[in-house]
Amino acid sequence: MSKTMNGGKGCRAKALISVANACDNLLLRLEASAHTFVTTDGHKLELSCHRWDQLDEDCQQWMISLTEENMKTYYESSVCGWNRSQKEKELRHPTARHLVVRSLDSEDKPWVAFTHLRFESGGNDSEFAVYCYELQVVSSHQRSGVGRYLMAVLRDIGSHFGAHKVMLTVFKCNENAMNFYTKALKYRIDRSSPSRCQMPDKDYEILCINVPKSKQNN
């Protein structure tokens, strides 16, 4: 591929990322049926999309605490360690979007899951990816289809905005997450992952899955 052709694709990817970042509510681009979900055990859930400063403080603190509850052990076993302030800084990133799932059956504990996503280059400048930074589900709703639902929504969002793939990072020691993504959802190891870049000693993998093209992007 010539540098001119590759540069053109890079410009297109940047333009698509800019368009996606300018959209305030990503869910308005999806079918109305994507905004609600019923778990395998019959709980009714509703999905909403927010930038960090659009969330109320209680929800913000719940997101940080849930991430700590689910992930602290894995971070502490890695070279980076757990840092709550750093995690909050990631969630506050100006291009971060948060899809928050709340229960329609309970007012006492309304939030059950969230995902933190950003629109970024997908391993090289010519690719556009939806990068999933977090997928966190409360223990009472794990293995009820919520995670699969959220990851499907990410692919739908990517399809609408013309993304090439959805990407995410998983600790190698997190066997449940690795099996969920690679076996249940059929993600593969991305070419930018350390294990494919002569860095097999790294404690994480970067996974990806292609995004189907929407009719408007064909």
N, C-alpha and C. Protein backbone atom coordinates (compact mmCIF):
# COMPACT_ATOMS: atom_id res chain seq x y z
N MET A 1 0.84 -1.20 0.00
CA MET A 1 0.00 0.00 0.00
C MET A 1 0.87 1.24 0.00
N SER A 2 0.54 2.20 -0.85
CA SER A 2 1.33 3.41 -0.92
C SER A 2 1.09 4.29 0.29
N LYS A 3 2.05 5.17 0.58
CA LYS A 3 1.90 6.09 1.69
C LYS A 3 0.70 7.01 1.47
N THR A 4 0.45 7.37 0.22
CA THR A 4 -0.67 8.26 -0.09
C THR A 4 -1.99 7.59 0.24
N MET A 5 -2.15 6.32 -0.15
CA MET A 5 -3.37 5.59 0.12
C MET A 5 -3.55 5.40 1.62
N ASN A 6 -2.47 5.03 2.31
CA ASN A 6 -2.56 4.80 3.74
C ASN A 6 -2.88 6.11 4.47
N GLY A 7 -2.28 7.23 3.99
CA GLY A 7 -2.57 8.52 4.60
C GLY A 7 -4.01 8.92 4.43
N GLY A 8 -4.58 8.60 3.27
CA GLY A 8 -5.98 8.91 3.02
C GLY A 8 -6.90 8.16 3.96
N LYS A 9 -6.59 6.89 4.20
CA LYS A 9 -7.39 6.09 5.14
C LYS A 9 -7.25 6.62 6.56
N GLY A 10 -6.03 7.10 6.88
CA GLY A 10 -5.82 7.66 8.21
C GLY A 10 -6.65 8.91 8.43
N CYS A 11 -6.74 9.74 7.40
CA CYS A 11 -7.55 10.96 7.49
C CYS A 11 -9.03 10.61 7.64
N ARG A 12 -9.47 9.59 6.92
CA ARG A 12 -10.88 9.18 7.02
C ARG A 12 -11.18 8.65 8.42
N ALA A 13 -10.27 7.86 8.98
CA ALA A 13 -10.48 7.33 10.33
C ALA A 13 -10.58 8.46 11.35
N LYS A 14 -9.70 9.45 11.22
CA LYS A 14 -9.72 10.59 12.14
C LYS A 14 -11.03 11.37 12.01
N ALA A 15 -11.51 11.50 10.78
CA ALA A 15 -12.76 12.23 10.55
C ALA A 15 -13.93 11.49 11.19
N LEU A 16 -13.95 10.16 11.07
CA LEU A 16 -15.02 9.37 11.66
C LEU A 16 -14.98 9.46 13.19
N ILE A 17 -13.79 9.44 13.75
CA ILE A 17 -13.64 9.57 15.20
C ILE A 17 -14.17 10.92 15.67
N SER A 18 -13.86 11.96 14.93
CA SER A 18 -14.33 13.31 15.28
C SER A 18 -15.85 13.39 15.26
N VAL A 19 -16.46 12.78 14.25
CA VAL A 19 -17.92 12.78 14.16
C VAL A 19 -18.53 12.04 15.35
N ALA A 20 -17.97 10.88 15.68
CA ALA A 20 -18.49 10.09 16.80
C ALA A 20 -18.33 10.84 18.12
N ASN A 21 -17.19 11.48 18.31
CA ASN A 21 -16.95 12.22 19.55
C ASN A 21 -17.88 13.42 19.69
N ALA A 22 -18.34 13.96 18.58
CA ALA A 22 -19.22 15.12 18.63
C ALA A 22 -20.67 14.76 18.97
N CYS A 23 -21.00 13.48 18.84
CA CYS A 23 -22.37 13.04 19.13
C CYS A 23 -22.57 12.95 20.64
N ASP A 24 -23.56 13.62 21.14
CA ASP A 24 -23.76 13.68 22.59
C ASP A 24 -24.36 12.40 23.16
N ASN A 25 -25.47 11.94 22.57
CA ASN A 25 -26.13 10.73 23.06
C ASN A 25 -26.04 9.64 21.99
N LEU A 26 -25.14 8.71 22.20
CA LEU A 26 -24.89 7.67 21.21
C LEU A 26 -26.10 6.77 20.99
N LEU A 27 -26.95 6.64 21.99
CA LEU A 27 -28.07 5.72 21.89
C LEU A 27 -29.16 6.23 20.96
N LEU A 28 -29.19 7.53 20.70
CA LEU A 28 -30.19 8.07 19.78
C LEU A 28 -29.98 7.55 18.38
N ARG A 29 -28.77 7.04 18.10
CA ARG A 29 -28.45 6.52 16.78
C ARG A 29 -28.88 5.06 16.61
N LEU A 30 -29.34 4.43 17.69
CA LEU A 30 -29.69 3.01 17.65
C LEU A 30 -31.20 2.83 17.66
N GLU A 31 -31.63 1.63 17.33
CA GLU A 31 -33.05 1.30 17.40
C GLU A 31 -33.53 1.42 18.85
N ALA A 32 -34.78 1.81 19.03
CA ALA A 32 -35.34 1.98 20.37
C ALA A 32 -35.27 0.70 21.19
N SER A 33 -35.32 -0.45 20.52
CA SER A 33 -35.28 -1.73 21.22
C SER A 33 -33.96 -1.97 21.93
N ALA A 34 -32.91 -1.24 21.52
CA ALA A 34 -31.60 -1.41 22.15
C ALA A 34 -31.51 -0.71 23.50
N HIS A 35 -32.49 0.12 23.83
CA HIS A 35 -32.44 0.92 25.05
C HIS A 35 -32.91 0.16 26.27
N THR A 36 -33.57 -0.97 26.08
CA THR A 36 -34.06 -1.78 27.19
C THR A 36 -33.65 -3.23 26.98
N PHE A 37 -33.66 -3.98 28.08
CA PHE A 37 -33.18 -5.37 28.03
C PHE A 37 -33.81 -6.14 29.18
N VAL A 38 -34.13 -7.40 28.94
CA VAL A 38 -34.64 -8.29 29.99
C VAL A 38 -33.62 -9.40 30.19
N THR A 39 -33.14 -9.57 31.42
CA THR A 39 -32.12 -10.57 31.71
C THR A 39 -32.68 -11.98 31.60
N THR A 40 -31.80 -12.95 31.63
CA THR A 40 -32.23 -14.34 31.53
C THR A 40 -33.09 -14.77 32.71
N ASP A 41 -32.98 -14.04 33.84
CA ASP A 41 -33.83 -14.36 34.99
C ASP A 41 -34.98 -13.37 35.16
N GLY A 42 -35.29 -12.62 34.10
CA GLY A 42 -36.51 -11.83 34.07
C GLY A 42 -36.45 -10.41 34.60
N HIS A 43 -35.27 -9.88 34.91
CA HIS A 43 -35.16 -8.51 35.39
C HIS A 43 -35.18 -7.53 34.21
N LYS A 44 -35.98 -6.47 34.36
CA LYS A 44 -36.08 -5.46 33.32
C LYS A 44 -35.05 -4.36 33.55
N LEU A 45 -34.28 -4.04 32.51
CA LEU A 45 -33.20 -3.07 32.63
C LEU A 45 -33.34 -1.98 31.58
N GLU A 46 -32.78 -0.82 31.88
CA GLU A 46 -32.81 0.31 30.96
C GLU A 46 -31.41 0.87 30.80
N LEU A 47 -31.07 1.24 29.57
CA LEU A 47 -29.73 1.72 29.25
C LEU A 47 -29.76 3.23 28.98
N SER A 48 -28.73 3.93 29.47
CA SER A 48 -28.59 5.36 29.19
C SER A 48 -27.13 5.67 28.89
N CYS A 49 -26.89 6.77 28.19
CA CYS A 49 -25.55 7.16 27.78
C CYS A 49 -25.19 8.52 28.36
N HIS A 50 -23.96 8.65 28.89
CA HIS A 50 -23.56 9.88 29.57
C HIS A 50 -22.07 10.16 29.36
N ARG A 51 -21.74 11.44 29.36
CA ARG A 51 -20.38 11.86 29.63
C ARG A 51 -20.25 11.93 31.15
N TRP A 52 -19.01 11.94 31.65
CA TRP A 52 -18.80 11.86 33.10
C TRP A 52 -19.53 12.97 33.85
N ASP A 53 -19.44 14.19 33.38
CA ASP A 53 -20.03 15.31 34.11
C ASP A 53 -21.56 15.36 34.01
N GLN A 54 -22.15 14.45 33.23
CA GLN A 54 -23.60 14.34 33.16
C GLN A 54 -24.15 13.35 34.18
N LEU A 55 -23.28 12.60 34.83
CA LEU A 55 -23.68 11.63 35.84
C LEU A 55 -23.78 12.30 37.20
N ASP A 56 -24.74 11.86 38.02
CA ASP A 56 -24.76 12.43 39.37
C ASP A 56 -23.66 11.78 40.21
N GLU A 57 -23.32 12.44 41.30
CA GLU A 57 -22.16 12.00 42.09
C GLU A 57 -22.33 10.59 42.64
N ASP A 58 -23.53 10.23 43.03
CA ASP A 58 -23.77 8.88 43.56
C ASP A 58 -23.45 7.82 42.52
N CYS A 59 -23.84 8.07 41.28
CA CYS A 59 -23.57 7.11 40.21
C CYS A 59 -22.07 7.06 39.91
N GLN A 60 -21.42 8.20 39.92
CA GLN A 60 -19.98 8.24 39.69
C GLN A 60 -19.23 7.40 40.72
N GLN A 61 -19.57 7.58 41.99
CA GLN A 61 -18.90 6.84 43.05
C GLN A 61 -19.22 5.35 42.99
N TRP A 62 -20.45 5.03 42.59
CA TRP A 62 -20.82 3.62 42.42
C TRP A 62 -19.97 2.97 41.33
N MET A 63 -19.75 3.68 40.23
CA MET A 63 -18.95 3.15 39.13
C MET A 63 -17.51 2.88 39.57
N ILE A 64 -16.93 3.81 40.28
CA ILE A 64 -15.55 3.63 40.75
C ILE A 64 -15.46 2.47 41.74
N SER A 65 -16.43 2.42 42.67
CA SER A 65 -16.41 1.37 43.69
C SER A 65 -16.66 -0.01 43.09
N LEU A 66 -17.55 -0.09 42.11
CA LEU A 66 -17.80 -1.38 41.45
C LEU A 66 -16.56 -1.86 40.72
N THR A 67 -15.88 -0.94 40.04
CA THR A 67 -14.65 -1.31 39.35
C THR A 67 -13.62 -1.81 40.34
N GLU A 68 -13.51 -1.14 41.48
CA GLU A 68 -12.56 -1.57 42.51
C GLU A 68 -12.94 -2.96 43.05
N GLU A 69 -14.22 -3.16 43.31
CA GLU A 69 -14.70 -4.45 43.84
C GLU A 69 -14.39 -5.59 42.87
N ASN A 70 -14.62 -5.35 41.58
CA ASN A 70 -14.45 -6.40 40.59
C ASN A 70 -13.01 -6.59 40.12
N MET A 71 -12.20 -5.53 40.15
CA MET A 71 -10.91 -5.56 39.47
C MET A 71 -9.68 -5.37 40.35
N LYS A 72 -9.84 -4.92 41.58
CA LYS A 72 -8.68 -4.59 42.40
C LYS A 72 -7.70 -5.76 42.52
N THR A 73 -8.22 -6.97 42.73
CA THR A 73 -7.36 -8.14 42.88
C THR A 73 -6.50 -8.37 41.64
N TYR A 74 -7.09 -8.20 40.46
CA TYR A 74 -6.35 -8.41 39.22
C TYR A 74 -5.28 -7.33 39.03
N TYR A 75 -5.63 -6.09 39.35
CA TYR A 75 -4.65 -5.01 39.23
C TYR A 75 -3.49 -5.21 40.20
N GLU A 76 -3.81 -5.65 41.42
CA GLU A 76 -2.76 -5.84 42.42
C GLU A 76 -1.81 -6.97 42.05
N SER A 77 -2.26 -7.90 41.24
CA SER A 77 -1.39 -9.00 40.80
C SER A 77 -0.61 -8.63 39.53
N SER A 78 -0.87 -7.43 38.99
CA SER A 78 -0.18 -6.98 37.79
C SER A 78 0.93 -6.00 38.14
N VAL A 79 1.74 -5.65 37.16
CA VAL A 79 2.85 -4.73 37.41
C VAL A 79 2.36 -3.30 37.67
N CYS A 80 1.17 -2.96 37.17
CA CYS A 80 0.69 -1.59 37.34
C CYS A 80 0.09 -1.32 38.71
N GLY A 81 -0.44 -2.36 39.38
CA GLY A 81 -1.05 -2.18 40.69
C GLY A 81 -2.37 -1.44 40.62
N TRP A 82 -3.08 -1.40 41.75
CA TRP A 82 -4.38 -0.72 41.79
C TRP A 82 -4.21 0.70 42.30
N ASN A 83 -4.83 1.66 41.60
CA ASN A 83 -4.79 3.06 41.98
C ASN A 83 -6.17 3.65 41.74
N ARG A 84 -6.94 3.84 42.80
CA ARG A 84 -8.32 4.31 42.65
C ARG A 84 -8.37 5.69 41.99
N SER A 85 -7.46 6.58 42.36
CA SER A 85 -7.45 7.92 41.78
C SER A 85 -7.17 7.88 40.28
N GLN A 86 -6.25 7.00 39.89
CA GLN A 86 -5.94 6.87 38.46
C GLN A 86 -7.13 6.31 37.70
N LYS A 87 -7.83 5.37 38.30
CA LYS A 87 -9.02 4.81 37.64
C LYS A 87 -10.09 5.88 37.48
N GLU A 88 -10.27 6.71 38.49
CA GLU A 88 -11.25 7.79 38.38
C GLU A 88 -10.83 8.77 37.28
N LYS A 89 -9.54 9.02 37.17
CA LYS A 89 -9.04 9.91 36.12
C LYS A 89 -9.36 9.35 34.74
N GLU A 90 -9.24 8.04 34.56
CA GLU A 90 -9.58 7.40 33.29
C GLU A 90 -11.07 7.59 32.97
N LEU A 91 -11.90 7.40 33.99
CA LEU A 91 -13.34 7.52 33.78
C LEU A 91 -13.74 8.97 33.45
N ARG A 92 -12.97 9.92 33.96
CA ARG A 92 -13.25 11.33 33.73
C ARG A 92 -12.71 11.85 32.39
N HIS A 93 -12.03 11.03 31.64
CA HIS A 93 -11.39 11.48 30.40
C HIS A 93 -12.39 12.23 29.53
N PRO A 94 -11.99 13.33 28.90
CA PRO A 94 -12.95 14.15 28.14
C PRO A 94 -13.64 13.45 26.98
N THR A 95 -13.05 12.39 26.43
CA THR A 95 -13.72 11.67 25.34
C THR A 95 -14.42 10.39 25.81
N ALA A 96 -14.39 10.15 27.13
CA ALA A 96 -15.02 8.94 27.66
C ALA A 96 -16.54 9.03 27.58
N ARG A 97 -17.16 7.92 27.24
CA ARG A 97 -18.63 7.79 27.29
C ARG A 97 -18.95 6.63 28.20
N HIS A 98 -20.07 6.73 28.88
CA HIS A 98 -20.47 5.69 29.83
C HIS A 98 -21.90 5.25 29.53
N LEU A 99 -22.04 3.97 29.24
CA LEU A 99 -23.35 3.37 29.08
C LEU A 99 -23.70 2.74 30.42
N VAL A 100 -24.74 3.24 31.05
CA VAL A 100 -25.11 2.81 32.40
C VAL A 100 -26.43 2.04 32.34
N VAL A 101 -26.43 0.89 32.98
CA VAL A 101 -27.62 0.04 33.01
C VAL A 101 -28.25 0.12 34.40
N ARG A 102 -29.52 0.46 34.44
CA ARG A 102 -30.22 0.49 35.73
C ARG A 102 -31.42 -0.45 35.70
N SER A 103 -31.76 -0.92 36.88
CA SER A 103 -32.89 -1.83 37.01
C SER A 103 -34.20 -1.06 37.06
N LEU A 104 -35.20 -1.55 36.35
CA LEU A 104 -36.54 -0.98 36.43
C LEU A 104 -37.38 -1.67 37.50
N ASP A 105 -36.78 -2.67 38.15
CA ASP A 105 -37.49 -3.43 39.18
C ASP A 105 -37.14 -3.00 40.59
N SER A 106 -36.06 -2.21 40.75
CA SER A 106 -35.60 -1.84 42.09
C SER A 106 -35.17 -0.39 42.14
N GLU A 107 -35.69 0.34 43.13
CA GLU A 107 -35.29 1.73 43.33
C GLU A 107 -34.15 1.84 44.34
N ASP A 108 -34.01 0.84 45.22
CA ASP A 108 -32.97 0.87 46.25
C ASP A 108 -31.58 0.71 45.66
N LYS A 109 -31.44 -0.22 44.72
CA LYS A 109 -30.15 -0.47 44.08
C LYS A 109 -30.36 -0.41 42.55
N PRO A 110 -30.49 0.81 42.02
CA PRO A 110 -30.91 0.94 40.62
C PRO A 110 -29.87 0.55 39.58
N TRP A 111 -28.57 0.75 39.86
CA TRP A 111 -27.55 0.53 38.84
C TRP A 111 -27.01 -0.89 38.92
N VAL A 112 -26.89 -1.53 37.80
CA VAL A 112 -26.43 -2.92 37.79
C VAL A 112 -25.19 -3.16 36.92
N ALA A 113 -24.89 -2.25 36.00
CA ALA A 113 -23.74 -2.46 35.11
C ALA A 113 -23.40 -1.16 34.38
N PHE A 114 -22.17 -1.10 33.88
CA PHE A 114 -21.79 0.02 33.02
C PHE A 114 -20.62 -0.39 32.14
N THR A 115 -20.47 0.34 31.06
CA THR A 115 -19.28 0.20 30.23
C THR A 115 -18.73 1.58 29.91
N HIS A 116 -17.42 1.69 29.93
CA HIS A 116 -16.71 2.93 29.59
C HIS A 116 -16.09 2.71 28.22
N LEU A 117 -16.45 3.56 27.26
CA LEU A 117 -15.93 3.41 25.90
C LEU A 117 -15.37 4.72 25.40
N ARG A 118 -14.48 4.60 24.42
CA ARG A 118 -13.95 5.76 23.72
C ARG A 118 -13.78 5.40 22.24
N PHE A 119 -13.79 6.42 21.40
CA PHE A 119 -13.54 6.25 19.97
C PHE A 119 -12.07 6.59 19.71
N GLU A 120 -11.33 5.60 19.18
CA GLU A 120 -9.88 5.77 19.04
C GLU A 120 -9.37 5.11 17.77
N SER A 121 -8.11 5.34 17.46
CA SER A 121 -7.45 4.61 16.38
C SER A 121 -7.32 3.15 16.79
N GLY A 122 -7.50 2.25 15.85
CA GLY A 122 -7.55 0.83 16.17
C GLY A 122 -6.26 0.09 15.91
N GLY A 123 -5.19 0.46 16.56
CA GLY A 123 -3.92 -0.24 16.37
C GLY A 123 -3.03 0.44 15.35
N ASN A 124 -3.63 1.09 14.35
CA ASN A 124 -2.87 1.94 13.42
C ASN A 124 -3.78 3.08 12.99
N ASP A 125 -3.19 4.10 12.39
CA ASP A 125 -3.94 5.33 12.10
C ASP A 125 -5.04 5.15 11.06
N SER A 126 -5.00 4.06 10.30
CA SER A 126 -6.00 3.88 9.26
C SER A 126 -7.24 3.15 9.76
N GLU A 127 -7.24 2.72 11.01
CA GLU A 127 -8.38 2.00 11.57
C GLU A 127 -9.06 2.82 12.65
N PHE A 128 -10.35 2.64 12.74
CA PHE A 128 -11.19 3.33 13.72
C PHE A 128 -11.82 2.27 14.62
N ALA A 129 -11.64 2.40 15.92
CA ALA A 129 -12.14 1.40 16.85
C ALA A 129 -12.98 2.02 17.96
N VAL A 130 -13.94 1.25 18.41
CA VAL A 130 -14.62 1.54 19.67
C VAL A 130 -13.83 0.78 20.73
N TYR A 131 -13.17 1.50 21.64
CA TYR A 131 -12.35 0.83 22.65
C TYR A 131 -13.14 0.75 23.95
N CYS A 132 -13.33 -0.47 24.42
CA CYS A 132 -14.04 -0.71 25.67
C CYS A 132 -13.02 -0.70 26.82
N TYR A 133 -13.03 0.36 27.61
CA TYR A 133 -12.09 0.48 28.73
C TYR A 133 -12.57 -0.27 29.96
N GLU A 134 -13.88 -0.33 30.15
CA GLU A 134 -14.44 -1.05 31.29
C GLU A 134 -15.73 -1.72 30.89
N LEU A 135 -15.95 -2.91 31.41
CA LEU A 135 -17.26 -3.56 31.40
C LEU A 135 -17.42 -4.14 32.80
N GLN A 136 -18.28 -3.52 33.61
CA GLN A 136 -18.44 -3.94 34.99
C GLN A 136 -19.91 -4.23 35.28
N VAL A 137 -20.14 -5.38 35.92
CA VAL A 137 -21.49 -5.82 36.26
C VAL A 137 -21.52 -6.21 37.73
N VAL A 138 -22.56 -5.79 38.46
CA VAL A 138 -22.67 -6.17 39.87
C VAL A 138 -22.83 -7.68 39.97
N SER A 139 -22.38 -8.25 41.06
CA SER A 139 -22.35 -9.71 41.21
C SER A 139 -23.73 -10.35 41.05
N SER A 140 -24.77 -9.67 41.51
CA SER A 140 -26.13 -10.23 41.45
C SER A 140 -26.66 -10.35 40.03
N HIS A 141 -26.06 -9.64 39.09
CA HIS A 141 -26.53 -9.69 37.70
C HIS A 141 -25.50 -10.29 36.75
N GLN A 142 -24.42 -10.83 37.26
CA GLN A 142 -23.46 -11.50 36.40
C GLN A 142 -24.05 -12.82 35.91
N ARG A 143 -23.66 -13.20 34.70
CA ARG A 143 -24.15 -14.41 34.04
C ARG A 143 -25.66 -14.38 33.80
N SER A 144 -26.16 -13.17 33.57
CA SER A 144 -27.60 -13.03 33.27
C SER A 144 -27.81 -12.41 31.89
N GLY A 145 -26.72 -12.26 31.12
CA GLY A 145 -26.81 -11.72 29.78
C GLY A 145 -26.53 -10.23 29.67
N VAL A 146 -26.28 -9.55 30.80
CA VAL A 146 -26.08 -8.11 30.77
C VAL A 146 -24.78 -7.75 30.03
N GLY A 147 -23.71 -8.46 30.34
CA GLY A 147 -22.43 -8.18 29.68
C GLY A 147 -22.50 -8.40 28.19
N ARG A 148 -23.12 -9.49 27.79
CA ARG A 148 -23.27 -9.79 26.36
C ARG A 148 -24.10 -8.69 25.68
N TYR A 149 -25.14 -8.25 26.37
CA TYR A 149 -26.00 -7.17 25.84
C TYR A 149 -25.20 -5.89 25.63
N LEU A 150 -24.41 -5.48 26.61
CA LEU A 150 -23.63 -4.25 26.49
C LEU A 150 -22.60 -4.34 25.37
N MET A 151 -21.96 -5.48 25.24
CA MET A 151 -20.96 -5.63 24.18
C MET A 151 -21.62 -5.62 22.80
N ALA A 152 -22.85 -6.12 22.71
CA ALA A 152 -23.58 -6.04 21.44
C ALA A 152 -23.92 -4.59 21.11
N VAL A 153 -24.27 -3.81 22.13
CA VAL A 153 -24.56 -2.39 21.92
C VAL A 153 -23.32 -1.67 21.41
N LEU A 154 -22.14 -2.01 21.96
CA LEU A 154 -20.91 -1.38 21.49
C LEU A 154 -20.68 -1.66 20.01
N ARG A 155 -20.94 -2.87 19.58
CA ARG A 155 -20.79 -3.20 18.16
C ARG A 155 -21.79 -2.43 17.31
N ASP A 156 -23.01 -2.28 17.82
CA ASP A 156 -24.02 -1.52 17.09
C ASP A 156 -23.62 -0.06 16.94
N ILE A 157 -23.08 0.51 18.02
CA ILE A 157 -22.60 1.89 17.98
C ILE A 157 -21.46 2.01 16.97
N GLY A 158 -20.53 1.07 17.04
CA GLY A 158 -19.41 1.08 16.10
C GLY A 158 -19.89 0.98 14.66
N SER A 159 -20.87 0.13 14.42
CA SER A 159 -21.40 -0.05 13.07
C SER A 159 -22.00 1.25 12.56
N HIS A 160 -22.75 1.93 13.40
CA HIS A 160 -23.40 3.18 12.98
C HIS A 160 -22.37 4.24 12.59
N PHE A 161 -21.29 4.34 13.36
CA PHE A 161 -20.31 5.40 13.12
C PHE A 161 -19.19 4.99 12.16
N GLY A 162 -19.25 3.77 11.64
CA GLY A 162 -18.27 3.34 10.66
C GLY A 162 -16.97 2.80 11.23
N ALA A 163 -16.99 2.33 12.48
CA ALA A 163 -15.79 1.76 13.09
C ALA A 163 -15.45 0.42 12.45
N HIS A 164 -14.17 0.09 12.48
CA HIS A 164 -13.71 -1.20 11.94
C HIS A 164 -13.87 -2.33 12.94
N LYS A 165 -13.68 -2.01 14.24
CA LYS A 165 -13.71 -3.07 15.24
C LYS A 165 -13.95 -2.51 16.64
N VAL A 166 -14.29 -3.41 17.54
CA VAL A 166 -14.34 -3.12 18.98
C VAL A 166 -13.09 -3.73 19.59
N MET A 167 -12.41 -2.99 20.45
CA MET A 167 -11.18 -3.47 21.08
C MET A 167 -11.30 -3.35 22.61
N LEU A 168 -10.51 -4.13 23.31
CA LEU A 168 -10.47 -4.07 24.77
C LEU A 168 -9.21 -4.74 25.27
N THR A 169 -8.89 -4.48 26.54
CA THR A 169 -7.71 -5.07 27.18
C THR A 169 -8.16 -5.99 28.31
N VAL A 170 -7.55 -7.17 28.38
CA VAL A 170 -7.90 -8.15 29.42
C VAL A 170 -6.63 -8.67 30.08
N PHE A 171 -6.63 -8.73 31.41
CA PHE A 171 -5.52 -9.36 32.12
C PHE A 171 -5.52 -10.85 31.80
N LYS A 172 -4.35 -11.40 31.55
CA LYS A 172 -4.25 -12.83 31.27
C LYS A 172 -4.73 -13.68 32.44
N CYS A 173 -4.54 -13.17 33.66
CA CYS A 173 -4.93 -13.93 34.85
C CYS A 173 -6.44 -13.92 35.09
N ASN A 174 -7.17 -13.09 34.37
CA ASN A 174 -8.62 -13.02 34.52
C ASN A 174 -9.26 -14.02 33.56
N GLU A 175 -9.25 -15.28 33.98
CA GLU A 175 -9.69 -16.36 33.11
C GLU A 175 -11.16 -16.25 32.73
N ASN A 176 -12.00 -15.80 33.68
CA ASN A 176 -13.43 -15.68 33.37
C ASN A 176 -13.66 -14.67 32.25
N ALA A 177 -12.99 -13.53 32.35
CA ALA A 177 -13.15 -12.50 31.32
C ALA A 177 -12.57 -12.98 29.99
N MET A 178 -11.42 -13.61 30.03
CA MET A 178 -10.80 -14.09 28.80
C MET A 178 -11.70 -15.11 28.10
N ASN A 179 -12.29 -16.01 28.87
CA ASN A 179 -13.19 -17.00 28.28
C ASN A 179 -14.46 -16.35 27.73
N PHE A 180 -14.97 -15.37 28.46
CA PHE A 180 -16.17 -14.67 28.02
C PHE A 180 -15.96 -14.02 26.66
N TYR A 181 -14.86 -13.30 26.52
CA TYR A 181 -14.61 -12.59 25.27
C TYR A 181 -14.22 -13.51 24.14
N THR A 182 -13.29 -14.43 24.39
CA THR A 182 -12.76 -15.24 23.29
C THR A 182 -13.64 -16.43 22.93
N LYS A 183 -14.33 -17.00 23.91
CA LYS A 183 -15.14 -18.19 23.63
C LYS A 183 -16.61 -17.83 23.41
N ALA A 184 -17.19 -17.06 24.34
CA ALA A 184 -18.61 -16.73 24.20
C ALA A 184 -18.86 -15.70 23.11
N LEU A 185 -18.01 -14.67 23.03
CA LEU A 185 -18.23 -13.58 22.08
C LEU A 185 -17.34 -13.66 20.84
N LYS A 186 -16.39 -14.60 20.82
CA LYS A 186 -15.54 -14.84 19.64
C LYS A 186 -14.58 -13.70 19.33
N TYR A 187 -14.12 -12.99 20.35
CA TYR A 187 -13.06 -12.01 20.15
C TYR A 187 -11.75 -12.74 19.86
N ARG A 188 -10.85 -12.07 19.19
CA ARG A 188 -9.54 -12.65 18.87
C ARG A 188 -8.44 -11.72 19.40
N ILE A 189 -7.23 -12.24 19.47
CA ILE A 189 -6.10 -11.41 19.90
C ILE A 189 -5.76 -10.44 18.78
N ASP A 190 -5.75 -9.16 19.10
CA ASP A 190 -5.47 -8.13 18.10
C ASP A 190 -4.00 -8.14 17.72
N ARG A 191 -3.71 -7.69 16.52
CA ARG A 191 -2.32 -7.69 16.06
C ARG A 191 -1.45 -6.71 16.85
N SER A 192 -2.08 -5.77 17.58
CA SER A 192 -1.32 -4.83 18.41
C SER A 192 -1.09 -5.35 19.82
N SER A 193 -1.61 -6.54 20.14
CA SER A 193 -1.45 -7.11 21.47
C SER A 193 0.00 -7.49 21.73
N PRO A 194 0.48 -7.36 22.97
CA PRO A 194 1.89 -7.67 23.27
C PRO A 194 2.34 -9.05 22.80
N SER A 195 1.46 -10.05 22.93
CA SER A 195 1.86 -11.41 22.56
C SER A 195 2.12 -11.55 21.06
N ARG A 196 1.63 -10.60 20.27
CA ARG A 196 1.87 -10.62 18.83
C ARG A 196 2.91 -9.58 18.40
N CYS A 197 3.51 -8.96 19.40
CA CYS A 197 4.53 -7.93 19.13
C CYS A 197 5.84 -8.24 19.86
N GLN A 198 6.16 -9.53 19.98
CA GLN A 198 7.39 -9.96 20.62
C GLN A 198 7.52 -9.47 22.07
N MET A 199 6.38 -9.39 22.78
CA MET A 199 6.38 -9.03 24.20
C MET A 199 5.51 -10.00 24.99
N PRO A 200 5.85 -11.30 24.94
CA PRO A 200 5.01 -12.32 25.57
C PRO A 200 4.96 -12.25 27.09
N ASP A 201 5.87 -11.51 27.71
CA ASP A 201 5.89 -11.45 29.17
C ASP A 201 4.89 -10.45 29.74
N LYS A 202 4.26 -9.64 28.92
CA LYS A 202 3.26 -8.70 29.40
C LYS A 202 2.09 -9.47 30.01
N ASP A 203 1.45 -8.88 31.00
CA ASP A 203 0.40 -9.60 31.73
C ASP A 203 -1.00 -9.34 31.20
N TYR A 204 -1.11 -8.86 29.97
CA TYR A 204 -2.43 -8.58 29.39
C TYR A 204 -2.43 -8.87 27.90
N GLU A 205 -3.63 -9.00 27.36
CA GLU A 205 -3.82 -9.14 25.92
C GLU A 205 -4.78 -8.05 25.46
N ILE A 206 -4.63 -7.64 24.21
CA ILE A 206 -5.58 -6.74 23.57
C ILE A 206 -6.42 -7.59 22.62
N LEU A 207 -7.72 -7.58 22.82
CA LEU A 207 -8.62 -8.38 22.01
C LEU A 207 -9.44 -7.48 21.10
N CYS A 208 -9.98 -8.08 20.05
CA CYS A 208 -10.81 -7.30 19.13
C CYS A 208 -11.82 -8.19 18.42
N ILE A 209 -12.82 -7.54 17.86
CA ILE A 209 -13.79 -8.22 17.00
C ILE A 209 -14.21 -7.23 15.92
N ASN A 210 -14.38 -7.71 14.71
CA ASN A 210 -14.78 -6.83 13.61
C ASN A 210 -16.20 -6.32 13.82
N VAL A 211 -16.45 -5.13 13.30
CA VAL A 211 -17.77 -4.52 13.37
C VAL A 211 -18.41 -4.61 12.00
N PRO A 212 -19.63 -5.15 11.90
CA PRO A 212 -20.29 -5.21 10.60
C PRO A 212 -20.61 -3.81 10.09
N LYS A 213 -20.48 -3.62 8.79
CA LYS A 213 -20.78 -2.32 8.21
C LYS A 213 -22.29 -2.09 8.17
N SER A 214 -22.69 -0.87 8.53
CA SER A 214 -24.11 -0.52 8.40
C SER A 214 -24.36 -0.14 6.95
N LYS A 215 -25.62 -0.14 6.54
CA LYS A 215 -25.96 0.19 5.16
C LYS A 215 -25.50 1.58 4.79
N GLN A 216 -25.56 2.52 5.76
CA GLN A 216 -25.20 3.90 5.44
C GLN A 216 -23.69 4.06 5.23
N ASN A 217 -22.90 3.06 5.71
CA ASN A 217 -21.44 3.16 5.57
C ASN A 217 -20.90 2.26 4.47
N ASN A 218 -21.77 1.58 3.75
CA ASN A 218 -21.31 0.71 2.67
C ASN A 218 -20.86 1.56 1.47
